[in-house]
Amino acid sequence: MLMIRDVLDKQVVDRNEVKIGKVDGIVAQLREGKPPRIIAVEIGSIALARRLGPLPGRWMVILAAKLGGERHAKPHRVAWSKVRDIGLDIEVDVDVRKTAIFDWQGWLRDHVVGRIPGA
């Protein structure tokens, strides 16, 4: 399997087939004398900003923490052991309702979209 080609930027769906985002980062554990081991995938703007470099990554952490609190100052990680299938989508054994992944959607709905006339 080619991790970058087969996993990065693919749609992630939870156990109820709810789309929860795209894989924005892959977390590997480096082990001396052994190949790296994938331990998690990351979802969210912080992981995506880190792909652009350290400075955009730090900016996004600061912005996320100011808007959503410390709970949102880290990207959302899904343990590799929770990945059930890699096909057109990445299927994970996680219930998105029990995570903070959709907190941003609720905030945007309440503070931005809800204030647009006719929305």
Protein backbone atom coordinates (compact mmCIF):
# COMPACT_ATOMS: atom_id res chain seq x y z
CA MET A 1 0.00 0.00 0.00
CA LEU A 2 1.24 3.47 -0.86
CA MET A 3 0.08 5.56 2.10
CA ILE A 4 0.19 8.93 0.38
CA ARG A 5 -1.65 7.70 -2.71
CA ASP A 6 -4.12 5.36 -1.00
CA VAL A 7 -4.97 7.27 2.19
CA LEU A 8 -4.04 10.98 2.17
CA ASP A 9 -6.86 13.31 1.03
CA LYS A 10 -9.45 10.51 0.90
CA GLN A 11 -12.92 10.95 2.38
CA VAL A 12 -13.39 9.47 5.86
CA VAL A 13 -16.76 8.00 6.88
CA ASP A 14 -17.75 6.86 10.36
CA ARG A 15 -19.45 3.60 11.31
CA ASN A 16 -22.84 5.12 10.37
CA GLU A 17 -21.52 6.17 6.93
CA VAL A 18 -21.51 9.86 7.90
CA LYS A 19 -18.81 11.83 6.07
CA ILE A 20 -16.52 13.33 8.69
CA GLY A 21 -13.82 14.94 6.56
CA LYS A 22 -10.75 14.00 4.60
CA VAL A 23 -7.47 12.53 5.77
CA ASP A 24 -5.26 15.60 6.15
CA GLY A 25 -2.32 13.92 7.87
CA ILE A 26 -0.77 10.55 8.60
CA VAL A 27 0.97 9.92 11.94
CA ALA A 28 3.81 7.41 11.96
CA GLN A 29 5.90 6.06 14.81
CA LEU A 30 9.61 5.85 14.02
CA ARG A 31 11.27 2.74 15.38
CA GLU A 32 15.00 2.13 15.41
CA GLY A 33 16.01 -0.67 13.06
CA LYS A 34 12.42 -1.22 11.91
CA PRO A 35 10.18 0.40 9.33
CA PRO A 36 7.86 3.20 10.50
CA ARG A 37 4.48 2.12 11.88
CA ILE A 38 1.30 4.05 11.08
CA ILE A 39 -0.52 4.86 14.34
CA ALA A 40 -3.22 7.36 13.30
CA VAL A 41 -4.72 9.56 10.63
CA GLU A 42 -5.48 13.22 11.27
CA ILE A 43 -8.51 15.17 10.15
CA GLY A 44 -8.99 18.92 10.22
CA SER A 45 -7.64 22.33 9.38
CA ILE A 46 -4.64 22.11 11.71
CA ALA A 47 -3.29 18.98 10.02
CA LEU A 48 -3.97 20.50 6.62
CA ALA A 49 -2.20 23.76 7.55
CA ARG A 50 0.82 21.80 8.83
CA ARG A 51 1.21 20.36 5.33
CA LEU A 52 1.89 23.92 4.16
CA GLY A 53 4.67 24.37 6.71
CA PRO A 54 5.34 25.02 10.38
CA LEU A 55 4.23 28.67 10.34
CA PRO A 56 0.75 28.08 8.85
CA GLY A 57 0.40 25.14 11.25
CA ARG A 58 1.13 27.34 14.28
CA TRP A 59 -1.24 30.04 13.04
CA MET A 60 -4.05 27.53 12.66
CA VAL A 61 -3.43 26.14 16.17
CA ILE A 62 -3.66 29.68 17.62
CA LEU A 63 -6.82 30.46 15.63
CA ALA A 64 -8.49 27.16 16.55
CA ALA A 65 -7.65 27.60 20.24
CA LYS A 66 -9.01 31.17 20.28
CA LEU A 67 -12.24 30.23 18.53
CA GLY A 68 -12.89 26.82 20.05
CA GLY A 69 -10.77 26.53 23.17
CA GLU A 70 -7.89 24.21 23.96
CA ARG A 71 -9.97 21.18 22.97
CA HIS A 72 -9.60 22.31 19.35
CA ALA A 73 -5.88 23.18 19.48
CA LYS A 74 -4.94 19.73 18.15
CA PRO A 75 -6.01 17.95 14.98
CA HIS A 76 -8.59 15.21 15.33
CA ARG A 77 -6.82 11.85 15.36
CA VAL A 78 -8.33 8.52 14.49
CA ALA A 79 -6.24 5.56 15.60
CA TRP A 80 -5.08 3.36 12.73
CA SER A 81 -6.58 0.39 14.58
CA LYS A 82 -10.02 2.01 14.02
CA VAL A 83 -9.61 1.96 10.21
CA ARG A 84 -11.91 -0.79 8.91
CA ASP A 85 -11.60 -0.46 5.14
CA ILE A 86 -9.63 1.51 2.59
CA GLY A 87 -11.50 1.77 -0.69
CA LEU A 88 -13.13 4.72 -2.38
CA ASP A 89 -13.59 6.09 1.16
CA ILE A 90 -11.70 5.38 4.37
CA GLU A 91 -14.16 3.65 6.70
CA VAL A 92 -13.45 4.02 10.42
CA ASP A 93 -15.03 2.43 13.48
CA VAL A 94 -15.82 5.76 15.17
CA ASP A 95 -19.11 7.49 15.93
CA VAL A 96 -18.62 11.12 14.88
CA ARG A 97 -21.35 12.28 17.30
CA LYS A 98 -19.05 11.33 20.20
CA THR A 99 -16.18 13.48 18.91
CA ALA A 100 -15.51 17.21 18.54
CA ILE A 101 -15.15 16.97 14.76
CA PHE A 102 -18.49 18.62 13.97
CA ASP A 103 -18.21 21.35 16.63
CA TRP A 104 -17.04 23.79 13.94
CA GLN A 105 -20.08 23.12 11.79
CA GLY A 106 -22.38 23.99 14.67
CA TRP A 107 -20.41 27.13 15.46
CA LEU A 108 -20.44 28.28 11.82
CA ARG A 109 -24.17 27.56 11.57
CA ASP A 110 -24.94 29.57 14.71
CA HIS A 111 -22.50 32.47 14.28
CA VAL A 112 -22.10 32.92 10.53
CA VAL A 113 -24.69 31.20 8.35
CA GLY A 114 -27.55 31.95 10.75
CA ARG A 115 -26.85 35.69 10.42
CA ILE A 116 -27.03 35.70 6.62
CA PRO A 117 -30.40 37.08 5.51
CA GLY A 118 -32.46 34.38 3.81
CA ALA A 119 -30.16 31.54 4.90
